[in-house]
Amino acid sequence: MKVEYLFMQEPSRSDLLRQGCAVYGDELFQFYTYNQLIDVFSMHSGQRLFSIEGFRNIYHHCNNIDFSNTFLNEGDRYPLLYVSMDDAEENKAIVYHISEDVDGRMFLEVVQTIEYPDEVKG
């Protein structure tokens, strides 16, 4: 993927701030602030393949995004996805399962919320 693809801003995305991203296979998952949207790009062409609606929360700052090597269900397209955040209000990691509905649309399901101990919080 050419790096400049990541920095091209579509007019429809101009109000969103990019946060962490992760790569799985040939796909780059770009998160935006407040966890409200994930764009999935081809690593070869740089084209957006699809978008996933997230859970808008003003306290979610998607600092680090990582795929695990664990699949929730046999046959899942993607392994579990960890999104960590640190914010004055919420310091935690959320584990997501990426699912597909009957119409082929992708969506997120919260599998687990990992609360950081008080001594880790900023």
Protein backbone atom coordinates (compact mmCIF):
# COMPACT_ATOMS: atom_id res chain seq x y z
CA MET A 1 0.00 0.00 0.00
CA LYS A 2 1.31 3.42 -0.84
CA VAL A 3 1.63 5.52 2.28
CA GLU A 4 -0.06 8.52 0.70
CA TYR A 5 -3.38 6.63 0.59
CA LEU A 6 -3.53 6.83 4.37
CA PHE A 7 -3.18 10.59 4.30
CA MET A 8 -5.73 11.32 1.61
CA GLN A 9 -8.85 12.62 3.31
CA GLU A 10 -12.21 12.04 1.72
CA PRO A 11 -14.61 14.99 2.04
CA SER A 12 -17.07 12.78 3.90
CA ARG A 13 -14.37 11.97 6.50
CA SER A 14 -13.02 15.49 7.01
CA ASP A 15 -14.68 15.86 10.42
CA LEU A 16 -13.11 12.65 11.79
CA LEU A 17 -9.69 12.35 13.39
CA ARG A 18 -7.68 9.25 12.60
CA GLN A 19 -6.61 7.11 15.55
CA GLY A 20 -4.90 3.73 15.68
CA CYS A 21 -4.92 1.16 12.93
CA ALA A 22 -4.11 -2.52 12.54
CA VAL A 23 -3.42 -4.84 9.62
CA TYR A 24 -4.84 -8.30 9.17
CA GLY A 25 -3.84 -10.16 6.02
CA ASP A 26 -4.18 -7.72 3.14
CA GLU A 27 -6.50 -5.31 4.97
CA LEU A 28 -5.76 -2.22 7.02
CA PHE A 29 -8.36 -1.27 9.66
CA GLN A 30 -8.32 2.50 10.29
CA PHE A 31 -10.10 3.65 13.44
CA TYR A 32 -11.31 7.18 14.03
CA THR A 33 -11.78 9.18 17.21
CA TYR A 34 -14.70 8.27 19.47
CA ASN A 35 -14.67 4.76 17.94
CA GLN A 36 -17.46 5.83 15.61
CA LEU A 37 -16.17 4.42 12.34
CA ILE A 38 -13.64 1.93 10.99
CA ASP A 39 -12.56 2.11 7.37
CA VAL A 40 -11.03 -1.04 5.91
CA PHE A 41 -8.51 -0.53 3.09
CA SER A 42 -6.77 -2.90 0.70
CA MET A 43 -3.03 -2.95 1.40
CA HIS A 44 -2.39 -3.49 -2.33
CA SER A 45 -4.56 -0.84 -3.96
CA GLY A 46 -5.18 1.58 -1.10
CA GLN A 47 -8.88 1.55 -1.94
CA ARG A 48 -11.46 1.51 0.82
CA LEU A 49 -13.09 -1.92 0.76
CA PHE A 50 -15.84 -1.25 3.30
CA SER A 51 -16.62 0.63 6.49
CA ILE A 52 -17.83 -0.61 9.85
CA GLU A 53 -20.04 1.54 12.05
CA GLY A 54 -18.59 1.65 15.56
CA PHE A 55 -20.04 2.66 18.90
CA ARG A 56 -19.75 6.42 19.20
CA ASN A 57 -18.50 7.35 22.65
CA ILE A 58 -16.77 10.67 23.31
CA TYR A 59 -14.55 9.00 25.92
CA HIS A 60 -13.15 6.44 23.49
CA HIS A 61 -9.74 7.38 22.17
CA CYS A 62 -8.52 4.46 20.07
CA ASN A 63 -4.82 4.52 20.90
CA ASN A 64 -3.72 1.00 20.03
CA ILE A 65 -5.47 -1.47 17.78
CA ASP A 66 -4.26 -5.08 17.61
CA PHE A 67 -5.61 -8.30 16.19
CA SER A 68 -5.18 -11.33 18.40
CA ASN A 69 -4.51 -14.83 17.11
CA THR A 70 -7.80 -16.06 18.62
CA PHE A 71 -10.99 -16.52 16.64
CA LEU A 72 -14.23 -16.43 18.63
CA ASN A 73 -16.01 -18.87 16.33
CA GLU A 74 -14.74 -21.45 13.90
CA GLY A 75 -14.99 -20.00 10.40
CA ASP A 76 -14.75 -16.34 11.47
CA ARG A 77 -13.20 -14.09 8.85
CA TYR A 78 -11.20 -12.10 11.45
CA PRO A 79 -9.68 -12.88 14.85
CA LEU A 80 -10.66 -10.92 17.94
CA LEU A 81 -9.66 -7.26 17.87
CA TYR A 82 -8.27 -5.39 20.89
CA VAL A 83 -8.74 -1.62 21.12
CA SER A 84 -6.97 0.09 24.00
CA MET A 85 -7.63 3.61 25.12
CA ASP A 86 -6.44 5.93 27.80
CA ASP A 87 -8.46 8.95 28.68
CA ALA A 88 -9.12 10.94 31.81
CA GLU A 89 -12.55 9.32 32.05
CA GLU A 90 -12.08 5.80 30.72
CA ASN A 91 -8.89 3.74 30.76
CA LYS A 92 -9.57 0.32 29.37
CA ALA A 93 -9.29 -2.08 26.47
CA ILE A 94 -12.28 -3.40 24.58
CA VAL A 95 -12.24 -6.75 22.80
CA TYR A 96 -14.37 -6.87 19.66
CA HIS A 97 -15.68 -9.65 17.48
CA ILE A 98 -16.12 -8.54 13.87
CA SER A 99 -19.30 -10.10 12.54
CA GLU A 100 -21.17 -10.06 9.27
CA ASP A 101 -24.95 -9.77 8.96
CA VAL A 102 -27.10 -11.59 6.40
CA ASP A 103 -26.70 -8.68 3.95
CA GLY A 104 -22.90 -8.87 4.12
CA ARG A 105 -22.46 -5.74 6.29
CA MET A 106 -19.75 -5.94 8.91
CA PHE A 107 -20.37 -4.85 12.50
CA LEU A 108 -18.66 -4.95 15.89
CA GLU A 109 -19.76 -6.95 18.92
CA VAL A 110 -18.20 -6.27 22.32
CA VAL A 111 -16.83 -9.53 23.71
CA GLN A 112 -15.01 -8.20 26.77
CA THR A 113 -14.07 -4.94 28.47
CA ILE A 114 -10.77 -4.96 30.33
CA GLU A 115 -10.60 -2.27 33.02
CA TYR A 116 -7.09 -1.10 33.90
CA PRO A 117 -6.14 -1.16 37.60
CA ASP A 118 -6.21 2.22 39.36
CA GLU A 119 -2.42 2.37 39.57
CA VAL A 120 -2.21 2.20 35.76
CA LYS A 121 -4.73 4.97 35.14
CA GLY A 122 -3.37 8.39 34.20
